C-alpha cells in the first residue's frame, strides 16, 4: 500500500482561483505544517476533496557565474511505460514526484518535506545531488483534467552548475532529454501542445510565448 502527502482542497482557499500563483514561504509553511497528512495514494487518486502535494522542479543552467539568469532549461519526454500513464510520452519541463512517509526524517517539519522530496526526485531521475534554488515559488493548480484535479504542484526553479549529465544515472521513466536555450527562445503554440498540462501552464507564466494569430 502506497501513501503520499496530501492537504484538503479547501485548505488552499483563494489559490483555487488561479492555475498558477506566486506563494509566500509563510503561507506554504502554514499549509504543510498545519494541514498536511499522509494518506493512501490509490484512494486519493479517486477524490478531488484532497490534493496530493508534488514538488515540481524546473532544472536550469545560468548564463554565467556572474549572470544568474536562466540560460538553458531541461526538457524531457516521459517514457511510454511511465508510472502515471495519463502523462506517458508527453514532454515536460518539470521533474515531480509524490512525497512519501519515508521522506520525513526525525526532527523534520512537514514544510521541509518539499525540499526533501525535491532532492530525492532529482537524484532518482537525473542523478543530480547538488543544486541551488532561485526565484519565487508558485502553486500549480490545474482543474482542467483528471490528473490536475487531484494534485497540487509546488513549483521551484533550480540551477545546476553544468548541462553535462550522466545518462547512466537517469531514471527509467525518462525516454528522452534535451536542453532548451531559454534565454533566446519564444515558445510556439505548436510546441506548447506537445507539453503536459502543468508544463504548458508553467511556460505560459514564466517564459516567452508566441502570440496567437
Protein backbone atom coordinates (compact mmCIF):
# COMPACT_ATOMS: atom_id res chain seq x y z
CA UNK A 1 0.00 0.00 0.00
CA UNK A 2 1.39 3.39 -1.04
CA UNK A 3 0.99 6.63 0.92
CA UNK A 4 1.60 10.26 -0.06
CA UNK A 5 1.38 13.74 1.44
CA UNK A 6 -1.97 15.48 0.91
CA UNK A 7 -3.92 18.55 2.04
CA UNK A 8 -7.68 19.19 1.93
CA UNK A 9 -8.62 21.12 -1.20
CA UNK A 10 -10.46 23.62 0.99
CA UNK A 11 -7.13 24.46 2.69
CA UNK A 12 -5.72 26.14 -0.42
CA UNK A 13 -8.56 28.68 -0.36
CA UNK A 14 -8.21 31.57 -2.78
CA UNK A 15 -5.34 29.81 -4.58
CA UNK A 16 -8.01 27.77 -6.35
CA UNK A 17 -8.96 30.81 -8.42
CA UNK A 18 -5.77 30.64 -10.50
CA UNK A 19 -3.92 27.77 -12.14
CA UNK A 20 -0.51 29.39 -11.45
CA UNK A 21 0.11 31.66 -8.49
CA UNK A 22 3.03 33.08 -6.53
CA UNK A 23 3.09 31.72 -2.97
CA UNK A 24 4.80 33.20 0.07
CA UNK A 25 7.01 30.96 2.17
CA UNK A 26 4.99 31.70 5.32
CA UNK A 27 1.74 30.62 3.63
CA UNK A 28 3.29 27.40 2.37
CA UNK A 29 4.81 26.73 5.81
CA UNK A 30 1.38 27.01 7.41
CA UNK A 31 -0.31 24.85 4.77
CA UNK A 32 2.11 21.98 5.16
CA UNK A 33 2.75 22.09 8.88
CA UNK A 34 -0.88 22.61 9.87
CA UNK A 35 -2.96 20.97 7.13
CA UNK A 36 -0.98 18.16 5.52
CA UNK A 37 -1.04 14.46 6.36
CA UNK A 38 -0.14 11.14 4.75
CA UNK A 39 -2.96 9.16 3.15
CA UNK A 40 -3.41 6.11 0.93
CA UNK A 41 -2.41 7.17 -2.56
CA UNK A 42 -4.77 4.92 -4.52
CA UNK A 43 -7.76 6.35 -2.65
CA UNK A 44 -6.55 9.92 -3.09
CA UNK A 45 -6.41 9.38 -6.86
CA UNK A 46 -10.19 8.94 -6.78
CA UNK A 47 -11.25 12.04 -4.86
CA UNK A 48 -10.73 15.73 -5.58
CA UNK A 49 -11.60 16.65 -1.97
CA UNK A 50 -7.85 16.38 -1.30
CA UNK A 51 -4.80 17.25 -3.36
CA UNK A 52 -1.52 15.35 -3.40
CA UNK A 53 1.49 17.62 -2.92
CA UNK A 54 4.01 17.42 -5.77
CA UNK A 55 7.33 19.34 -5.71
CA UNK A 56 7.65 20.33 -9.40
CA UNK A 57 11.20 21.37 -10.27
CA UNK A 58 12.49 23.21 -13.34
CA UNK A 59 16.19 22.45 -13.91
CA UNK A 60 18.21 25.32 -15.41
CA UNK A 61 21.77 26.43 -16.04
CA UNK A 62 22.76 30.12 -15.60
CA UNK A 63 24.16 32.31 -18.34
CA UNK A 64 27.38 32.61 -16.33
CA UNK A 65 28.65 32.60 -12.77
CA UNK A 66 28.31 36.37 -12.81
CA UNK A 67 24.88 36.44 -14.50
CA UNK A 68 22.44 34.18 -12.67
CA UNK A 69 19.76 34.39 -15.34
CA UNK A 70 18.36 31.13 -16.76
CA UNK A 71 20.18 30.24 -19.96
CA UNK A 72 19.15 26.64 -20.66
CA UNK A 73 16.14 24.74 -19.31
CA UNK A 74 15.98 20.94 -19.24
CA UNK A 75 13.06 19.29 -21.03
CA UNK A 76 12.30 15.58 -21.14
CA UNK A 77 9.83 13.16 -22.66
CA UNK A 78 8.19 10.70 -20.31
CA UNK A 79 8.55 7.01 -21.17
CA UNK A 80 5.63 5.12 -22.71
CA UNK A 81 5.52 2.85 -19.65
CA UNK A 82 5.59 5.77 -17.20
CA UNK A 83 4.02 5.06 -13.80
CA UNK A 84 1.42 7.76 -14.44
CA UNK A 85 0.00 6.54 -17.75
CA UNK A 86 -2.05 9.69 -18.21
CA UNK A 87 1.26 11.52 -18.76
CA UNK A 88 3.11 8.87 -20.78
CA UNK A 89 5.03 10.12 -23.87
CA UNK A 90 4.36 13.78 -23.01
CA UNK A 91 7.13 16.36 -22.88
CA UNK A 92 7.71 18.14 -19.57
CA UNK A 93 9.82 20.92 -18.08
CA UNK A 94 9.11 19.88 -14.50
CA UNK A 95 10.56 16.97 -12.55
CA UNK A 96 7.99 15.98 -9.97
CA UNK A 97 7.00 13.16 -7.68
CA UNK A 98 4.90 12.36 -4.64
CA UNK A 99 6.20 12.92 -1.12
CA UNK A 100 6.48 9.61 0.74
CA UNK A 101 6.32 8.98 4.51
CA UNK A 102 9.96 7.84 4.30
CA UNK A 103 10.92 11.41 3.33
CA UNK A 104 10.01 12.63 6.81
CA UNK A 105 13.15 12.28 8.92
CA UNK A 106 13.32 12.66 12.75
CA UNK A 107 13.14 16.31 13.78
CA UNK A 108 11.99 17.46 10.34
CA UNK A 109 8.92 19.65 9.88
CA UNK A 110 6.44 18.79 7.15
CA UNK A 111 7.32 22.07 5.44
CA UNK A 112 10.85 20.72 4.95
CA UNK A 113 9.38 17.78 3.03
CA UNK A 114 9.18 19.97 -0.06
CA UNK A 115 12.97 20.31 -0.16
CA UNK A 116 13.49 16.68 0.84
CA UNK A 117 11.11 15.32 -1.79
CA UNK A 118 12.54 17.62 -4.46
CA UNK A 119 16.08 16.45 -3.74
CA UNK A 120 15.13 12.76 -3.76
CA UNK A 121 13.31 13.10 -7.08
CA UNK A 122 16.23 14.88 -8.77
CA UNK A 123 18.65 12.23 -7.55
CA UNK A 124 16.41 9.36 -8.70
CA UNK A 125 15.58 10.81 -12.11
CA UNK A 126 18.79 12.65 -13.07
CA UNK A 127 21.49 11.67 -10.60
CA UNK A 128 21.66 15.33 -9.55
CA UNK A 129 22.69 15.83 -5.92
CA UNK A 130 23.84 19.46 -5.91
CA UNK A 131 21.65 22.40 -6.93
CA UNK A 132 20.75 25.96 -5.96
CA UNK A 133 17.12 27.16 -5.85
CA UNK A 134 16.42 30.63 -7.29
CA UNK A 135 13.45 32.88 -7.82
CA UNK A 136 10.00 32.61 -6.31
CA UNK A 137 7.86 29.58 -5.50
CA UNK A 138 4.50 29.03 -7.19
CA UNK A 139 1.45 26.82 -6.84
CA UNK A 140 0.21 24.90 -9.87
CA UNK A 141 -3.49 24.12 -9.52
CA UNK A 142 -4.92 22.77 -12.79
CA UNK A 143 -8.54 21.65 -12.72
CA UNK A 144 -8.80 21.09 -16.46
CA UNK A 145 -8.03 17.35 -16.37
CA UNK A 146 -8.28 14.39 -14.01
CA UNK A 147 -4.54 14.40 -13.20
CA UNK A 148 -4.53 18.04 -12.14
CA UNK A 149 -7.73 17.79 -10.13
CA UNK A 150 -6.09 15.54 -7.53
CA UNK A 151 -2.59 17.09 -7.42
CA UNK A 152 -1.10 20.41 -6.33
CA UNK A 153 2.28 21.39 -7.72
CA UNK A 154 4.81 23.42 -5.72
CA UNK A 155 6.98 24.92 -8.46
CA UNK A 156 10.58 25.97 -7.98
CA UNK A 157 13.40 26.70 -10.44
CA UNK A 158 16.91 25.48 -9.64
CA UNK A 159 20.38 25.99 -11.09
CA UNK A 160 22.83 23.17 -11.63
CA UNK A 161 26.43 24.02 -12.44
CA UNK A 162 26.72 22.24 -15.79
CA UNK A 163 24.43 20.87 -18.52
CA UNK A 164 26.60 17.74 -18.66
CA UNK A 165 24.57 14.90 -17.11
CA UNK A 166 25.38 11.20 -16.82
CA UNK A 167 22.78 9.13 -18.79
CA UNK A 168 23.63 6.04 -16.73
CA UNK A 169 22.04 7.75 -13.72
CA UNK A 170 18.74 8.64 -15.40
CA UNK A 171 15.52 7.11 -14.10
CA UNK A 172 13.70 4.53 -16.21
CA UNK A 173 10.70 6.80 -16.69
CA UNK A 174 12.69 9.28 -18.82
CA UNK A 175 12.67 8.43 -22.52
CA UNK A 176 14.46 11.48 -23.92
CA UNK A 177 16.19 14.64 -22.66
CA UNK A 178 17.08 17.92 -24.34
CA UNK A 179 18.30 21.34 -23.24
CA UNK A 180 16.22 24.30 -24.43
CA UNK A 181 18.05 27.60 -24.99
CA UNK A 182 15.56 29.55 -22.91
CA UNK A 183 17.48 32.83 -22.95
CA UNK A 184 16.67 33.28 -26.64
CA UNK A 185 13.56 31.15 -27.07
CA UNK A 186 9.96 32.01 -27.83
CA UNK A 187 7.67 29.01 -27.44
CA UNK A 188 5.39 28.39 -30.41
CA UNK A 189 1.78 27.32 -29.94
CA UNK A 190 2.64 24.01 -31.62
CA UNK A 191 5.42 23.37 -29.09
CA UNK A 192 3.08 24.15 -26.21
CA UNK A 193 0.68 21.46 -27.38
CA UNK A 194 3.44 18.86 -27.05
CA UNK A 195 3.83 19.61 -23.35
CA UNK A 196 1.94 18.02 -20.49
CA UNK A 197 -0.68 20.30 -18.93
CA UNK A 198 1.39 21.51 -15.97
CA UNK A 199 4.40 22.37 -18.15
CA UNK A 200 2.16 24.23 -20.58
CA UNK A 201 0.85 26.41 -17.75
CA UNK A 202 4.37 26.91 -16.41
CA UNK A 203 5.77 28.06 -19.76
CA UNK A 204 2.90 30.50 -20.31
CA UNK A 205 3.58 32.13 -16.94
CA UNK A 206 7.38 32.10 -16.71
CA UNK A 207 8.68 32.24 -20.28
CA UNK A 208 8.09 33.94 -23.62
CA UNK A 209 5.28 32.52 -25.75
CA UNK A 210 4.29 33.44 -29.30
CA UNK A 211 1.04 35.38 -29.63
CA UNK A 212 -1.92 33.66 -31.21
CA UNK A 213 -2.53 34.66 -34.79
